[in-house]
Amino acid sequence: MGQTEGRSFERLPAYDSECYLCPGNARASGDTNPKYDSTFVFNNDFPAVLPEVIGNSDHPGLLQKEATCGECRVVCFSPRHDLTLAELSSEELLKVVEVWIEQTAELGDKYEWIQVFENKGAAMGCSNPHPHGQVWAGDWLPTTPAIEDFSQRSWSGENLLLDCLEEELKDGSRIVEQNEHWVLLVPFWALWPFEYLLLPRRHVLRLPDLTNVERASLVQILKLGLVRYDNLFEASFPYSMGWHGAPFVNGDSSHWQLHAHFYPPLLRSESIRKFMVGYEMLAEPQRDITPEQAAARLRDVPSLHFKVR
């Protein structure tokens, strides 16, 4: 009897003249998009951070502030307004992976933390259905990556995430997809109902460190995992996803392991979502289903997208 979401499956046009991300259209800044036929990257017209530091960072006392600088970019995955990552061909998806890698490498020459991410669907606050993601770069280590950095650095074993992966592979109940180079699973600590953790089998620090074979293999497992999302409720599955790799800093980063998080909000159907409220916000998140149940449900759905079956 709680909040429900409306159906998100709708027929979109391949081109929308009102969309500020479609090829050839004008954006809010007044700039006009080129008539691109693959991927397209541009500086965000309303960036959250700027390349120049603004304001005085000197603020002594208990309440302290520090000025930061960075860049925000938008990555259009396809010129097609009506497609998602799950619906792109392997060749098209590989171009997206290559853009993620190129942007990470380029911005990593100037900034400490590069956050590649995608918010998909209105349920995740995405106001434009055109397939796109973002890249934010900054000269500081944000809170969540800083916690991951501390945890991985403090681990007494060989490598925290690779040691976890070894245990997951032994157990097998939370594995959704795997191939020669990658493993996609619902992590033991999953808080969102159908959360994914995606990581390479070998020790890799950052996206640009992936070999050509690993990049092609990543495309395969990404497509399978995203199609399983859509097929779960036969809907365009909303989520927030992002890549976490080693910060671009001088010093030892060997404790890091490249990985991607996928956080989808849907719980029991396309119209029923999970909310982090009350006890979960004030004390500790609670699981509505176990990660083993979530992985089993995802494994059980077809690997061919429901739109083409």
Protein backbone atom coordinates (compact mmCIF):
# COMPACT_ATOMS: atom_id res chain seq x y z
CA MET A 1 0.00 0.00 0.00
CA GLY A 2 3.07 2.26 -0.14
CA GLN A 3 4.57 4.34 -2.94
CA THR A 4 4.50 2.81 -6.40
CA GLU A 5 6.21 3.99 -9.56
CA GLY A 6 4.50 4.32 -12.93
CA ARG A 7 5.37 2.06 -15.81
CA SER A 8 8.60 3.22 -17.46
CA PHE A 9 8.33 1.18 -20.64
CA GLU A 10 7.37 3.54 -23.40
CA ARG A 11 8.09 3.80 -27.07
CA LEU A 12 10.63 6.55 -27.58
CA PRO A 13 11.55 7.99 -30.97
CA ALA A 14 15.02 7.30 -32.36
CA TYR A 15 15.44 11.08 -32.56
CA ASP A 16 13.74 13.73 -30.42
CA SER A 17 13.90 17.32 -31.65
CA GLU A 18 13.35 18.57 -28.07
CA CYS A 19 16.18 16.51 -26.56
CA TYR A 20 19.32 18.51 -25.71
CA LEU A 21 21.46 15.37 -26.11
CA CYS A 22 20.33 14.26 -29.57
CA PRO A 23 22.66 14.94 -32.53
CA GLY A 24 22.37 18.38 -34.09
CA ASN A 25 20.22 19.83 -31.31
CA ALA A 26 20.86 22.96 -29.27
CA ARG A 27 21.70 22.67 -25.58
CA ALA A 28 20.84 25.03 -22.72
CA SER A 29 24.26 26.68 -23.08
CA GLY A 30 23.45 27.69 -26.63
CA ASP A 31 25.99 25.27 -28.07
CA THR A 32 24.84 22.91 -30.79
CA ASN A 33 25.65 19.22 -30.68
CA PRO A 34 27.49 17.86 -33.71
CA LYS A 35 25.63 15.31 -35.78
CA TYR A 36 27.54 12.53 -34.05
CA ASP A 37 27.04 8.91 -35.10
CA SER A 38 28.67 7.09 -32.18
CA THR A 39 29.59 8.42 -28.73
CA PHE A 40 29.81 12.12 -27.88
CA VAL A 41 31.46 13.85 -24.90
CA PHE A 42 31.03 17.48 -23.87
CA ASN A 43 31.61 19.64 -20.80
CA ASN A 44 28.53 19.76 -18.61
CA ASP A 45 26.61 22.99 -19.17
CA PHE A 46 25.84 23.13 -15.43
CA PRO A 47 28.94 21.65 -13.74
CA ALA A 48 29.00 20.85 -10.04
CA VAL A 49 32.71 21.68 -9.87
CA LEU A 50 34.88 24.07 -11.88
CA PRO A 51 38.52 23.93 -13.01
CA GLU A 52 39.32 27.11 -11.09
CA VAL A 53 39.23 27.21 -7.30
CA ILE A 54 36.61 29.69 -6.09
CA GLY A 55 36.50 31.19 -2.62
CA ASN A 56 38.78 31.31 0.38
CA SER A 57 39.74 27.90 1.78
CA ASP A 58 41.02 29.37 5.05
CA HIS A 59 38.30 28.70 7.63
CA PRO A 60 39.76 27.91 11.05
CA GLY A 61 37.83 26.40 13.91
CA LEU A 62 35.43 23.51 14.39
CA LEU A 63 33.52 24.07 11.12
CA GLN A 64 36.06 23.92 8.35
CA LYS A 65 35.76 24.19 4.60
CA GLU A 66 38.18 23.66 1.75
CA ALA A 67 37.87 24.88 -1.82
CA THR A 68 38.19 22.22 -4.52
CA CYS A 69 38.34 22.21 -8.29
CA GLY A 70 37.46 19.75 -11.00
CA GLU A 71 35.54 19.11 -14.22
CA CYS A 72 32.20 17.58 -15.12
CA ARG A 73 31.55 15.98 -18.49
CA VAL A 74 28.57 14.31 -20.12
CA VAL A 75 29.00 11.14 -22.18
CA CYS A 76 26.31 10.34 -24.76
CA PHE A 77 26.42 6.60 -25.32
CA SER A 78 24.61 6.63 -28.65
CA PRO A 79 22.97 9.04 -31.12
CA ARG A 80 19.80 6.95 -30.72
CA HIS A 81 17.38 8.52 -28.27
CA ASP A 82 15.47 5.26 -27.76
CA LEU A 83 18.24 2.87 -26.68
CA THR A 84 19.92 1.99 -23.39
CA LEU A 85 23.27 0.34 -22.65
CA ALA A 86 21.48 -3.00 -22.45
CA GLU A 87 20.17 -2.54 -26.00
CA LEU A 88 23.38 -1.42 -27.68
CA SER A 89 25.25 -3.87 -29.88
CA SER A 90 28.54 -5.27 -28.62
CA GLU A 91 30.40 -2.98 -31.03
CA GLU A 92 28.51 0.07 -29.76
CA LEU A 93 29.02 -0.93 -26.13
CA LEU A 94 32.74 -1.36 -26.70
CA LYS A 95 32.91 2.27 -27.91
CA VAL A 96 31.31 3.33 -24.60
CA VAL A 97 33.88 1.33 -22.65
CA GLU A 98 36.67 2.94 -24.67
CA VAL A 99 35.27 6.42 -23.91
CA TRP A 100 35.19 5.59 -20.18
CA ILE A 101 38.84 4.55 -20.46
CA GLU A 102 39.90 7.59 -22.52
CA GLN A 103 38.18 10.04 -20.18
CA THR A 104 39.69 8.39 -17.10
CA ALA A 105 43.19 8.51 -18.59
CA GLU A 106 42.89 12.11 -19.81
CA LEU A 107 41.44 13.56 -16.62
CA GLY A 108 43.71 11.41 -14.46
CA ASP A 109 46.64 13.50 -15.68
CA LYS A 110 45.15 16.50 -13.85
CA TYR A 111 42.96 15.22 -11.03
CA GLU A 112 43.13 12.77 -8.15
CA TRP A 113 39.70 11.15 -8.42
CA ILE A 114 37.83 10.30 -11.63
CA GLN A 115 34.24 9.20 -11.16
CA VAL A 116 32.63 7.56 -14.18
CA PHE A 117 28.93 6.95 -13.56
CA GLU A 118 25.46 6.60 -15.02
CA ASN A 119 22.08 7.42 -13.52
CA LYS A 120 19.49 5.53 -15.52
CA GLY A 121 15.76 6.08 -15.29
CA ALA A 122 13.45 8.65 -13.74
CA ALA A 123 13.42 6.65 -10.49
CA MET A 124 17.12 7.54 -10.13
CA GLY A 125 16.56 11.23 -10.87
CA CYS A 126 17.51 11.08 -14.54
CA SER A 127 15.45 13.72 -16.33
CA ASN A 128 16.48 12.79 -19.89
CA PRO A 129 15.97 9.25 -21.27
CA HIS A 130 18.64 9.72 -23.94
CA PRO A 131 21.36 7.14 -23.12
CA HIS A 132 24.11 9.02 -21.33
CA GLY A 133 26.39 9.03 -18.32
CA GLN A 134 28.80 11.43 -16.70
CA VAL A 135 32.42 11.80 -15.67
CA TRP A 136 33.30 14.00 -12.71
CA ALA A 137 36.94 14.69 -11.90
CA GLY A 138 38.25 16.38 -8.77
CA ASP A 139 41.41 17.23 -6.91
CA TRP A 140 40.29 15.46 -3.73
CA LEU A 141 39.30 11.95 -2.66
CA PRO A 142 35.53 11.87 -1.96
CA THR A 143 34.10 10.24 1.14
CA THR A 144 33.06 6.82 -0.21
CA PRO A 145 36.27 6.20 -2.21
CA ALA A 146 38.25 7.35 0.86
CA ILE A 147 36.54 4.67 2.95
CA GLU A 148 37.28 2.09 0.25
CA ASP A 149 40.88 3.27 0.13
CA PHE A 150 41.25 2.86 3.90
CA SER A 151 39.61 -0.59 3.92
CA GLN A 152 41.73 -1.93 1.07
CA ARG A 153 44.94 -0.42 2.45
CA SER A 154 44.25 -1.85 5.92
CA TRP A 155 43.50 -5.39 4.75
CA SER A 156 46.07 -7.88 6.04
CA GLY A 157 45.62 -10.32 3.18
CA GLU A 158 46.83 -10.15 -0.42
CA ASN A 159 44.10 -7.91 -1.88
CA LEU A 160 40.77 -7.24 -0.19
CA LEU A 161 38.44 -7.48 -3.19
CA LEU A 162 40.33 -10.31 -4.88
CA ASP A 163 40.27 -12.24 -1.61
CA CYS A 164 36.51 -11.61 -1.44
CA LEU A 165 36.17 -12.74 -5.04
CA GLU A 166 37.98 -15.99 -4.25
CA GLU A 167 35.48 -16.70 -1.49
CA GLU A 168 32.54 -15.78 -3.73
CA LEU A 169 33.73 -18.14 -6.45
CA LYS A 170 34.08 -20.96 -3.93
CA ASP A 171 30.54 -20.38 -2.67
CA GLY A 172 28.94 -19.60 -6.05
CA SER A 173 25.48 -18.72 -4.71
CA ARG A 174 25.86 -14.98 -5.33
CA ILE A 175 27.48 -15.21 -8.78
CA VAL A 176 25.24 -13.97 -11.60
CA GLU A 177 27.63 -14.04 -14.60
CA GLN A 178 31.29 -14.85 -15.14
CA ASN A 179 33.69 -15.26 -18.00
CA GLU A 180 37.42 -15.67 -18.42
CA HIS A 181 38.24 -12.14 -17.26
CA TRP A 182 35.30 -10.80 -15.21
CA VAL A 183 32.84 -11.79 -12.49
CA LEU A 184 29.44 -10.16 -11.91
CA LEU A 185 27.84 -10.91 -8.55
CA VAL A 186 25.46 -9.72 -5.88
CA PRO A 187 27.94 -8.97 -3.09
CA PHE A 188 27.65 -10.56 0.33
CA TRP A 189 27.12 -7.09 1.83
CA ALA A 190 24.49 -5.97 -0.73
CA LEU A 191 21.99 -3.44 0.64
CA TRP A 192 19.97 -2.71 -2.51
CA PRO A 193 17.74 -5.63 -3.55
CA PHE A 194 19.47 -6.46 -6.85
CA GLU A 195 22.83 -4.80 -6.32
CA TYR A 196 25.76 -5.78 -8.56
CA LEU A 197 29.49 -5.78 -7.99
CA LEU A 198 31.55 -6.19 -11.18
CA LEU A 199 35.28 -6.80 -11.02
CA PRO A 200 38.11 -8.30 -13.07
CA ARG A 201 39.64 -11.60 -12.03
CA ARG A 202 43.21 -10.29 -12.13
CA HIS A 203 44.68 -7.41 -10.16
CA VAL A 204 43.82 -4.21 -12.06
CA LEU A 205 44.13 -0.69 -10.66
CA ARG A 206 42.22 1.46 -13.14
CA LEU A 207 40.15 1.29 -16.33
CA PRO A 208 43.06 2.32 -18.61
CA ASP A 209 45.03 -0.71 -17.32
CA LEU A 210 42.63 -3.15 -18.99
CA THR A 211 43.97 -5.12 -21.94
CA ASN A 212 42.10 -5.17 -25.25
CA VAL A 213 40.94 -8.71 -24.50
CA GLU A 214 39.65 -7.65 -21.08
CA ARG A 215 37.79 -4.72 -22.62
CA ALA A 216 36.01 -6.99 -25.10
CA SER A 217 35.26 -9.43 -22.29
CA LEU A 218 33.87 -6.57 -20.19
CA VAL A 219 31.42 -5.74 -22.98
CA GLN A 220 30.13 -9.32 -22.96
CA ILE A 221 29.47 -9.47 -19.23
CA LEU A 222 28.09 -5.91 -19.06
CA LYS A 223 25.53 -6.69 -21.71
CA LEU A 224 24.45 -9.94 -20.04
CA GLY A 225 24.13 -8.29 -16.65
CA LEU A 226 22.13 -5.32 -17.92
CA VAL A 227 19.82 -7.50 -20.02
CA ARG A 228 19.11 -9.59 -16.90
CA TYR A 229 18.17 -6.39 -15.10
CA ASP A 230 15.66 -5.46 -17.81
CA ASN A 231 14.29 -8.98 -18.03
CA LEU A 232 13.69 -9.27 -14.29
CA PHE A 233 10.49 -7.20 -14.49
CA GLU A 234 10.39 -6.82 -18.29
CA ALA A 235 11.03 -3.11 -17.95
CA SER A 236 13.84 -0.66 -18.52
CA PHE A 237 15.56 -1.23 -15.17
CA PRO A 238 16.68 1.95 -13.34
CA TYR A 239 19.99 2.08 -11.49
CA SER A 240 22.96 4.19 -10.54
CA MET A 241 26.28 2.66 -11.48
CA GLY A 242 29.86 3.81 -11.27
CA TRP A 243 33.48 2.72 -11.57
CA HIS A 244 35.92 2.83 -8.66
CA GLY A 245 39.61 2.57 -9.45
CA ALA A 246 42.80 3.65 -7.75
CA PRO A 247 43.15 7.42 -7.24
CA PHE A 248 45.70 9.18 -9.43
CA VAL A 249 48.22 10.01 -6.70
CA ASN A 250 51.93 9.57 -6.17
CA GLY A 251 52.74 6.61 -3.96
CA ASP A 252 51.66 3.01 -3.63
CA SER A 253 48.17 2.17 -4.88
CA SER A 254 48.69 -1.58 -5.18
CA HIS A 255 46.04 -2.23 -2.51
CA TRP A 256 43.33 -1.03 -4.92
CA GLN A 257 41.25 -3.26 -7.19
CA LEU A 258 39.16 -1.84 -10.03
CA HIS A 259 35.44 -2.54 -9.66
CA ALA A 260 32.00 -1.18 -10.55
CA HIS A 261 28.93 -0.80 -8.36
CA PHE A 262 25.34 -1.04 -9.61
CA TYR A 263 22.61 0.21 -7.25
CA PRO A 264 19.05 -0.40 -8.56
CA PRO A 265 16.02 0.66 -6.48
CA LEU A 266 13.35 -1.80 -7.66
CA LEU A 267 12.18 -4.37 -5.12
CA ARG A 268 9.27 -6.62 -6.10
CA SER A 269 8.16 -5.23 -9.47
CA GLU A 270 8.64 -2.27 -11.77
CA SER A 271 6.12 -0.34 -9.68
CA ILE A 272 7.43 -1.17 -6.19
CA ARG A 273 10.77 0.23 -5.14
CA LYS A 274 12.91 0.08 -2.04
CA PHE A 275 13.35 3.25 -0.01
CA MET A 276 16.18 3.91 2.44
CA VAL A 277 14.17 5.65 5.20
CA GLY A 278 13.55 5.62 8.94
CA TYR A 279 15.68 3.02 10.69
CA GLU A 280 17.72 2.52 7.52
CA MET A 281 18.70 6.19 7.38
CA LEU A 282 19.14 6.63 11.11
CA ALA A 283 20.63 3.31 12.18
CA GLU A 284 21.44 0.66 9.56
CA PRO A 285 20.08 -0.47 6.17
CA GLN A 286 18.00 -3.65 6.19
CA ARG A 287 17.81 -6.30 3.48
CA ASP A 288 14.42 -7.08 1.99
CA ILE A 289 15.78 -10.16 0.22
CA THR A 290 19.06 -11.97 0.69
CA PRO A 291 21.87 -11.52 -1.86
CA GLU A 292 21.62 -15.25 -2.60
CA GLN A 293 17.92 -14.90 -3.47
CA ALA A 294 18.64 -11.86 -5.63
CA ALA A 295 21.42 -13.61 -7.54
CA ALA A 296 19.25 -16.69 -8.11
CA ARG A 297 16.41 -14.59 -9.50
CA LEU A 298 18.77 -12.75 -11.84
CA ARG A 299 20.33 -16.02 -13.05
CA ASP A 300 16.89 -17.45 -13.75
CA VAL A 301 15.75 -14.75 -16.19
CA PRO A 302 16.55 -15.12 -19.92
CA SER A 303 19.76 -13.66 -21.28
CA LEU A 304 18.02 -12.41 -24.45
CA HIS A 305 16.41 -9.00 -24.02
CA PHE A 306 12.63 -9.15 -23.58
CA LYS A 307 12.08 -6.58 -26.35
CA VAL A 308 13.51 -8.91 -28.98
CA ARG A 309 12.24 -12.24 -27.71
